Amino acid sequence: MKAQIKICRDCGQPLTKDEIALNKKLISPDVQQFQCLNCMSESFDCSVLDLKIKIDEFKEQGCTLFI
């Protein structure tokens, strides 16, 4: 069975595994609609670089969402 590609709810861009994991980490593990880093940075009023840094921090902490 092929995995379904998830897209950004705002711009329709295909999402990476890290973008999906960040949505689950920052919003809710049960979130159903996801945002790409660009749209999420606008929602959180931060830069895309800030979000990428958080992804790296969560990975270093061993967060299982980012495996």
C-alpha atoms as a PDB file:
ATOM      1  CA  MET A   1       0.000   0.000   0.000  1.00  0.00           C
ATOM      2  CA  LYS A   2       1.406   3.385  -1.018  1.00  0.00           C
ATOM      3  CA  ALA A   3       1.640   6.148   1.606  1.00  0.00           C
ATOM      4  CA  GLN A   4      -0.581   9.129   0.950  1.00  0.00           C
ATOM      5  CA  ILE A   5       1.261  12.390   0.281  1.00  0.00           C
ATOM      6  CA  LYS A   6       0.253  15.113   2.714  1.00  0.00           C
ATOM      7  CA  ILE A   7       0.031  18.694   1.506  1.00  0.00           C
ATOM      8  CA  CYS A   8       0.042  22.092   3.213  1.00  0.00           C
ATOM      9  CA  ARG A   9      -3.468  23.195   4.127  1.00  0.00           C
ATOM     10  CA  ASP A  10      -2.645  26.788   3.128  1.00  0.00           C
ATOM     11  CA  CYS A  11      -0.545  26.615  -0.049  1.00  0.00           C
ATOM     12  CA  GLY A  12      -0.912  22.995  -1.235  1.00  0.00           C
ATOM     13  CA  GLN A  13       2.828  22.247  -1.243  1.00  0.00           C
ATOM     14  CA  PRO A  14       3.797  18.600  -0.595  1.00  0.00           C
ATOM     15  CA  LEU A  15       5.176  18.162   2.930  1.00  0.00           C
ATOM     16  CA  THR A  16       8.311  16.471   4.209  1.00  0.00           C
ATOM     17  CA  LYS A  17       8.341  14.024   7.118  1.00  0.00           C
ATOM     18  CA  ASP A  18       9.999  16.688   9.277  1.00  0.00           C
ATOM     19  CA  GLU A  19       7.275  19.242   8.481  1.00  0.00           C
ATOM     20  CA  ILE A  20       4.565  16.751   9.446  1.00  0.00           C
ATOM     21  CA  ALA A  21       6.428  15.865  12.650  1.00  0.00           C
ATOM     22  CA  LEU A  22       6.847  19.551  13.565  1.00  0.00           C
ATOM     23  CA  ASN A  23       3.113  20.149  13.124  1.00  0.00           C
ATOM     24  CA  LYS A  24       2.420  17.230  15.466  1.00  0.00           C
ATOM     25  CA  LYS A  25       4.998  18.446  17.995  1.00  0.00           C
ATOM     26  CA  LEU A  26       3.980  22.129  18.070  1.00  0.00           C
ATOM     27  CA  ILE A  27       0.229  21.891  17.474  1.00  0.00           C
ATOM     28  CA  SER A  28      -1.103  18.451  18.461  1.00  0.00           C
ATOM     29  CA  PRO A  29      -0.205  14.800  17.901  1.00  0.00           C
ATOM     30  CA  ASP A  30      -3.728  14.420  16.496  1.00  0.00           C
ATOM     31  CA  VAL A  31      -3.532  17.309  14.003  1.00  0.00           C
ATOM     32  CA  GLN A  32      -5.169  16.391  10.681  1.00  0.00           C
ATOM     33  CA  GLN A  33      -4.303  19.416   8.548  1.00  0.00           C
ATOM     34  CA  PHE A  34      -0.665  20.382   8.215  1.00  0.00           C
ATOM     35  CA  GLN A  35       1.340  23.450   7.209  1.00  0.00           C
ATOM     36  CA  CYS A  36       4.649  23.677   5.370  1.00  0.00           C
ATOM     37  CA  LEU A  37       7.532  25.525   7.032  1.00  0.00           C
ATOM     38  CA  ASN A  38       6.815  28.722   5.087  1.00  0.00           C
ATOM     39  CA  CYS A  39       3.156  28.872   6.122  1.00  0.00           C
ATOM     40  CA  MET A  40       3.930  27.711   9.667  1.00  0.00           C
ATOM     41  CA  SER A  41       6.520  30.478  10.044  1.00  0.00           C
ATOM     42  CA  GLU A  42       3.829  33.026   9.188  1.00  0.00           C
ATOM     43  CA  SER A  43       1.392  31.464  11.675  1.00  0.00           C
ATOM     44  CA  PHE A  44       3.983  31.448  14.468  1.00  0.00           C
ATOM     45  CA  ASP A  45       5.505  34.810  13.449  1.00  0.00           C
ATOM     46  CA  CYS A  46       9.027  33.410  13.183  1.00  0.00           C
ATOM     47  CA  SER A  47      11.484  32.580  10.425  1.00  0.00           C
ATOM     48  CA  VAL A  48      11.771  29.316   8.525  1.00  0.00           C
ATOM     49  CA  LEU A  49      15.301  29.085   9.932  1.00  0.00           C
ATOM     50  CA  ASP A  50      13.871  29.232  13.476  1.00  0.00           C
ATOM     51  CA  LEU A  51      11.656  26.246  12.653  1.00  0.00           C
ATOM     52  CA  LYS A  52      14.545  24.308  11.103  1.00  0.00           C
ATOM     53  CA  ILE A  53      16.578  24.935  14.266  1.00  0.00           C
ATOM     54  CA  LYS A  54      13.681  23.572  16.358  1.00  0.00           C
ATOM     55  CA  ILE A  55      13.523  20.462  14.171  1.00  0.00           C
ATOM     56  CA  ASP A  56      17.242  19.863  14.766  1.00  0.00           C
ATOM     57  CA  GLU A  57      16.791  20.425  18.521  1.00  0.00           C
ATOM     58  CA  PHE A  58      13.895  17.951  18.692  1.00  0.00           C
ATOM     59  CA  LYS A  59      15.954  15.384  16.763  1.00  0.00           C
ATOM     60  CA  GLU A  60      18.903  15.856  19.136  1.00  0.00           C
ATOM     61  CA  GLN A  61      16.546  15.387  22.101  1.00  0.00           C
ATOM     62  CA  GLY A  62      15.477  12.060  20.610  1.00  0.00           C
ATOM     63  CA  CYS A  63      11.859  13.024  19.889  1.00  0.00           C
ATOM     64  CA  THR A  64      10.323   9.946  18.286  1.00  0.00           C
ATOM     65  CA  LEU A  65       8.157  12.039  15.947  1.00  0.00           C
ATOM     66  CA  PHE A  66      11.315  12.882  13.963  1.00  0.00           C
ATOM     67  CA  ILE A  67      12.518   9.325  13.325  1.00  0.00           C
END
